[in-house]
Structures are given as structure tokens and as C-alpha cells.
Amino acid sequence: MTTTPRPYSISDAMSVLLEPGSVTELRAPSAQGRTVSGYFDDHNLLAKEAANLSGRTPGVYVTLNPVRADLLEQER
């Protein structure tokens, strides 16, 4: 039985793994060769997006090490 992850469960995990306010990259490769990615400094938003992508792609990944904050600004 497959269950859809709940954003609050993902958010709880992110609070343990990531520094508050750090910029994190989310990646989700697709079977068609296209990768969805984004940068987040709000880990609750990251959790919602990860939950939304879960089950629709082969995997959803985040960087554990913070990425440069200017990457977030380039995306806005």
C-alpha cells in the first residue's frame, strides 16, 4: 500500500535536517527526462511542494547542505 506523504510530516523532517532559514534545493526528476527544481528558504513551502510532487515523479530530493542564497533570488 502506497501512502501520500503529508506536508507536515515532511516539514517535521526538514526541521531536523535543515538549518532554519537556510536555502535548500528541491529536485524531482521525471521519467521524460525533465527535472523540476526550485530553491526554498521556507521549509514549510518546500514540504508542500515535495508532497505535491511525491508519487508523480520517480523521486523527490533535497540538498542537505545549504545552497547559496543568491540562487533563491535568481528564481524570483
C-alpha atoms as a PDB file:
ATOM      1  CA  MET A   1       0.000   0.000   0.000  1.00  0.00           C
ATOM      2  CA  THR A   2       1.375   3.406  -1.018  1.00  0.00           C
ATOM      3  CA  THR A   3       0.536   6.449   1.028  1.00  0.00           C
ATOM      4  CA  THR A   4       0.905  10.071   0.055  1.00  0.00           C
ATOM      5  CA  PRO A   5       3.259  11.928   2.375  1.00  0.00           C
ATOM      6  CA  ARG A   6       1.648  14.685   4.363  1.00  0.00           C
ATOM      7  CA  PRO A   7       3.338  18.098   4.194  1.00  0.00           C
ATOM      8  CA  TYR A   8       3.535  18.352   7.992  1.00  0.00           C
ATOM      9  CA  SER A   9       5.483  15.050   8.161  1.00  0.00           C
ATOM     10  CA  ILE A  10       7.931  16.328   5.556  1.00  0.00           C
ATOM     11  CA  SER A  11       8.160  19.668   7.355  1.00  0.00           C
ATOM     12  CA  ASP A  12       8.945  17.871  10.623  1.00  0.00           C
ATOM     13  CA  ALA A  13      11.781  16.003   8.896  1.00  0.00           C
ATOM     14  CA  MET A  14      13.097  19.220   7.320  1.00  0.00           C
ATOM     15  CA  SER A  15      13.194  20.890  10.755  1.00  0.00           C
ATOM     16  CA  VAL A  16      15.557  18.147  11.937  1.00  0.00           C
ATOM     17  CA  LEU A  17      17.728  18.014   8.800  1.00  0.00           C
ATOM     18  CA  LEU A  18      17.983  21.659   7.750  1.00  0.00           C
ATOM     19  CA  GLU A  19      19.085  24.864   9.437  1.00  0.00           C
ATOM     20  CA  PRO A  20      16.208  27.332   9.924  1.00  0.00           C
ATOM     21  CA  GLY A  21      16.182  29.961   7.176  1.00  0.00           C
ATOM     22  CA  SER A  22      18.799  28.174   5.081  1.00  0.00           C
ATOM     23  CA  VAL A  23      18.257  27.963   1.333  1.00  0.00           C
ATOM     24  CA  THR A  24      17.582  24.416   0.147  1.00  0.00           C
ATOM     25  CA  GLU A  25      17.227  22.992  -3.347  1.00  0.00           C
ATOM     26  CA  LEU A  26      14.352  20.653  -4.161  1.00  0.00           C
ATOM     27  CA  ARG A  27      14.686  18.376  -7.228  1.00  0.00           C
ATOM     28  CA  ALA A  28      12.303  15.914  -8.795  1.00  0.00           C
ATOM     29  CA  PRO A  29      13.454  14.186 -11.995  1.00  0.00           C
ATOM     30  CA  SER A  30      10.726  12.953 -14.301  1.00  0.00           C
ATOM     31  CA  ALA A  31      10.605   9.843 -16.463  1.00  0.00           C
ATOM     32  CA  GLN A  32      10.547  12.110 -19.547  1.00  0.00           C
ATOM     33  CA  GLY A  33      13.991  13.492 -18.735  1.00  0.00           C
ATOM     34  CA  ARG A  34      12.776  16.848 -17.401  1.00  0.00           C
ATOM     35  CA  THR A  35      13.750  17.803 -13.860  1.00  0.00           C
ATOM     36  CA  VAL A  36      11.594  20.041 -11.706  1.00  0.00           C
ATOM     37  CA  SER A  37      13.675  22.063  -9.286  1.00  0.00           C
ATOM     38  CA  GLY A  38      13.399  25.043  -7.024  1.00  0.00           C
ATOM     39  CA  TYR A  39      15.046  26.840  -4.141  1.00  0.00           C
ATOM     40  CA  PHE A  40      13.338  27.438  -0.813  1.00  0.00           C
ATOM     41  CA  ASP A  41      14.140  29.309   2.381  1.00  0.00           C
ATOM     42  CA  ASP A  42      10.697  28.480   3.770  1.00  0.00           C
ATOM     43  CA  HIS A  43      10.838  24.799   4.660  1.00  0.00           C
ATOM     44  CA  ASN A  44       7.061  24.586   5.079  1.00  0.00           C
ATOM     45  CA  LEU A  45       6.628  25.653   1.436  1.00  0.00           C
ATOM     46  CA  LEU A  46       9.321  23.155   0.451  1.00  0.00           C
ATOM     47  CA  ALA A  47       7.370  20.427   2.285  1.00  0.00           C
ATOM     48  CA  LYS A  48       4.138  21.306   0.470  1.00  0.00           C
ATOM     49  CA  GLU A  49       5.863  21.205  -2.916  1.00  0.00           C
ATOM     50  CA  ALA A  50       7.606  17.917  -2.077  1.00  0.00           C
ATOM     51  CA  ALA A  51       4.285  16.360  -1.036  1.00  0.00           C
ATOM     52  CA  ASN A  52       2.680  17.634  -4.241  1.00  0.00           C
ATOM     53  CA  LEU A  53       5.418  16.067  -6.390  1.00  0.00           C
ATOM     54  CA  SER A  54       5.568  12.795  -4.462  1.00  0.00           C
ATOM     55  CA  GLY A  55       4.201   9.889  -6.459  1.00  0.00           C
ATOM     56  CA  ARG A  56       4.222  11.916  -9.675  1.00  0.00           C
ATOM     57  CA  THR A  57       7.971  11.547 -10.259  1.00  0.00           C
ATOM     58  CA  PRO A  58      10.477   8.733  -9.674  1.00  0.00           C
ATOM     59  CA  GLY A  59      11.880  10.606  -6.675  1.00  0.00           C
ATOM     60  CA  VAL A  60      11.921  13.882  -4.777  1.00  0.00           C
ATOM     61  CA  TYR A  61      15.215  15.057  -3.332  1.00  0.00           C
ATOM     62  CA  VAL A  62      16.534  17.954  -1.252  1.00  0.00           C
ATOM     63  CA  THR A  63      20.049  19.160  -0.602  1.00  0.00           C
ATOM     64  CA  LEU A  64      21.117  18.679   2.990  1.00  0.00           C
ATOM     65  CA  ASN A  65      23.858  21.278   2.757  1.00  0.00           C
ATOM     66  CA  PRO A  66      22.648  24.855   2.332  1.00  0.00           C
ATOM     67  CA  VAL A  67      22.986  26.356  -1.137  1.00  0.00           C
ATOM     68  CA  ARG A  68      23.944  29.941  -1.951  1.00  0.00           C
ATOM     69  CA  ALA A  69      21.180  32.410  -1.070  1.00  0.00           C
ATOM     70  CA  ASP A  70      21.584  34.232  -4.392  1.00  0.00           C
ATOM     71  CA  LEU A  71      20.180  31.137  -6.155  1.00  0.00           C
ATOM     72  CA  LEU A  72      16.872  31.841  -4.426  1.00  0.00           C
ATOM     73  CA  GLU A  73      16.927  35.455  -5.590  1.00  0.00           C
ATOM     74  CA  GLN A  74      17.617  34.427  -9.212  1.00  0.00           C
ATOM     75  CA  GLU A  75      14.463  32.325  -9.171  1.00  0.00           C
ATOM     76  CA  ARG A  76      12.146  35.130  -8.016  1.00  0.00           C
END
